[in-house]
């Protein structure tokens, strides 16, 4: 696995080595929230856009998984 990080984004590239060629999957994230992220920042990034869309008449869901 190769992780490239800078101030603006994070790209995770998972390499799959095979006998004849190498294959990989690349994932790019718009935002990275660490364990030090404040609750207000998490809301701004994760929930606020969904809440605003719901107020505009669209359906929306925010799911949280893990310890609370």
C-alpha atoms as a PDB file:
ATOM      1  CA  UNK A   1       0.000   0.000   0.000  1.00  0.00           C
ATOM      2  CA  UNK A   2       1.242   3.458  -0.901  1.00  0.00           C
ATOM      3  CA  UNK A   3      -0.180   6.515   0.853  1.00  0.00           C
ATOM      4  CA  UNK A   4       0.489  10.000  -0.520  1.00  0.00           C
ATOM      5  CA  UNK A   5      -0.579  12.848   1.729  1.00  0.00           C
ATOM      6  CA  UNK A   6      -0.306  16.584   1.612  1.00  0.00           C
ATOM      7  CA  UNK A   7      -2.192  19.495   3.137  1.00  0.00           C
ATOM      8  CA  UNK A   8      -5.090  19.224   0.685  1.00  0.00           C
ATOM      9  CA  UNK A   9      -5.712  15.554  -0.046  1.00  0.00           C
ATOM     10  CA  UNK A  10      -4.736  11.945   0.476  1.00  0.00           C
ATOM     11  CA  UNK A  11      -4.322   9.295  -2.185  1.00  0.00           C
ATOM     12  CA  UNK A  12      -4.188   5.636  -1.162  1.00  0.00           C
ATOM     13  CA  UNK A  13      -2.883   3.258  -3.791  1.00  0.00           C
ATOM     14  CA  UNK A  14      -3.222  -0.465  -3.113  1.00  0.00           C
ATOM     15  CA  UNK A  15      -0.818  -2.463  -5.222  1.00  0.00           C
ATOM     16  CA  UNK A  16      -1.678  -5.989  -6.327  1.00  0.00           C
ATOM     17  CA  UNK A  17       1.411  -7.783  -7.505  1.00  0.00           C
ATOM     18  CA  UNK A  18       0.766 -10.585  -9.941  1.00  0.00           C
ATOM     19  CA  UNK A  19       3.061 -12.914 -11.775  1.00  0.00           C
ATOM     20  CA  UNK A  20       2.828 -11.310 -15.226  1.00  0.00           C
ATOM     21  CA  UNK A  21       1.844  -7.749 -14.430  1.00  0.00           C
ATOM     22  CA  UNK A  22       1.086  -5.454 -11.572  1.00  0.00           C
ATOM     23  CA  UNK A  23      -2.421  -4.201 -10.976  1.00  0.00           C
ATOM     24  CA  UNK A  24      -3.481  -1.510  -8.557  1.00  0.00           C
ATOM     25  CA  UNK A  25      -6.465   0.367  -7.195  1.00  0.00           C
ATOM     26  CA  UNK A  26      -6.214   4.069  -6.455  1.00  0.00           C
ATOM     27  CA  UNK A  27      -8.498   5.896  -4.053  1.00  0.00           C
ATOM     28  CA  UNK A  28      -8.540   9.669  -3.684  1.00  0.00           C
ATOM     29  CA  UNK A  29     -10.203  11.410  -0.757  1.00  0.00           C
ATOM     30  CA  UNK A  30     -11.544  14.964  -0.670  1.00  0.00           C
ATOM     31  CA  UNK A  31     -11.034  15.319   3.072  1.00  0.00           C
ATOM     32  CA  UNK A  32      -9.070  13.562   5.788  1.00  0.00           C
ATOM     33  CA  UNK A  33     -10.347  13.679   9.348  1.00  0.00           C
ATOM     34  CA  UNK A  34      -7.965  12.376  11.974  1.00  0.00           C
ATOM     35  CA  UNK A  35      -8.703  11.442  15.553  1.00  0.00           C
ATOM     36  CA  UNK A  36      -7.869  15.042  16.452  1.00  0.00           C
ATOM     37  CA  UNK A  37     -10.632  16.554  14.294  1.00  0.00           C
ATOM     38  CA  UNK A  38     -13.019  18.716  16.282  1.00  0.00           C
ATOM     39  CA  UNK A  39     -16.729  17.925  16.294  1.00  0.00           C
ATOM     40  CA  UNK A  40     -17.550  21.175  14.507  1.00  0.00           C
ATOM     41  CA  UNK A  41     -15.133  20.355  11.676  1.00  0.00           C
ATOM     42  CA  UNK A  42     -16.581  16.848  11.304  1.00  0.00           C
ATOM     43  CA  UNK A  43     -20.077  18.334  11.049  1.00  0.00           C
ATOM     44  CA  UNK A  44     -18.957  20.923   8.463  1.00  0.00           C
ATOM     45  CA  UNK A  45     -17.368  18.282   6.241  1.00  0.00           C
ATOM     46  CA  UNK A  46     -19.715  15.319   6.680  1.00  0.00           C
ATOM     47  CA  UNK A  47     -23.200  16.369   7.723  1.00  0.00           C
ATOM     48  CA  UNK A  48     -23.703  20.006   6.759  1.00  0.00           C
ATOM     49  CA  UNK A  49     -23.848  19.436   2.969  1.00  0.00           C
ATOM     50  CA  UNK A  50     -26.396  16.654   3.501  1.00  0.00           C
ATOM     51  CA  UNK A  51     -28.512  18.763   5.866  1.00  0.00           C
ATOM     52  CA  UNK A  52     -28.488  21.664   3.397  1.00  0.00           C
ATOM     53  CA  UNK A  53     -29.593  19.329   0.590  1.00  0.00           C
ATOM     54  CA  UNK A  54     -32.429  17.974   2.754  1.00  0.00           C
ATOM     55  CA  UNK A  55     -33.583  21.529   3.424  1.00  0.00           C
ATOM     56  CA  UNK A  56     -33.625  22.040  -0.357  1.00  0.00           C
ATOM     57  CA  UNK A  57     -35.977  19.066  -0.747  1.00  0.00           C
ATOM     58  CA  UNK A  58     -33.587  16.210  -1.475  1.00  0.00           C
ATOM     59  CA  UNK A  59     -33.286  12.955   0.460  1.00  0.00           C
ATOM     60  CA  UNK A  60     -30.223  12.534   2.629  1.00  0.00           C
ATOM     61  CA  UNK A  61     -28.667  10.126   5.097  1.00  0.00           C
ATOM     62  CA  UNK A  62     -25.705  10.478   7.427  1.00  0.00           C
ATOM     63  CA  UNK A  63     -24.518   7.244   9.012  1.00  0.00           C
ATOM     64  CA  UNK A  64     -21.966   6.971  11.801  1.00  0.00           C
ATOM     65  CA  UNK A  65     -20.204   3.739  12.614  1.00  0.00           C
ATOM     66  CA  UNK A  66     -17.875   3.043  15.488  1.00  0.00           C
ATOM     67  CA  UNK A  67     -17.393   4.276  18.994  1.00  0.00           C
ATOM     68  CA  UNK A  68     -19.278   7.358  20.064  1.00  0.00           C
END
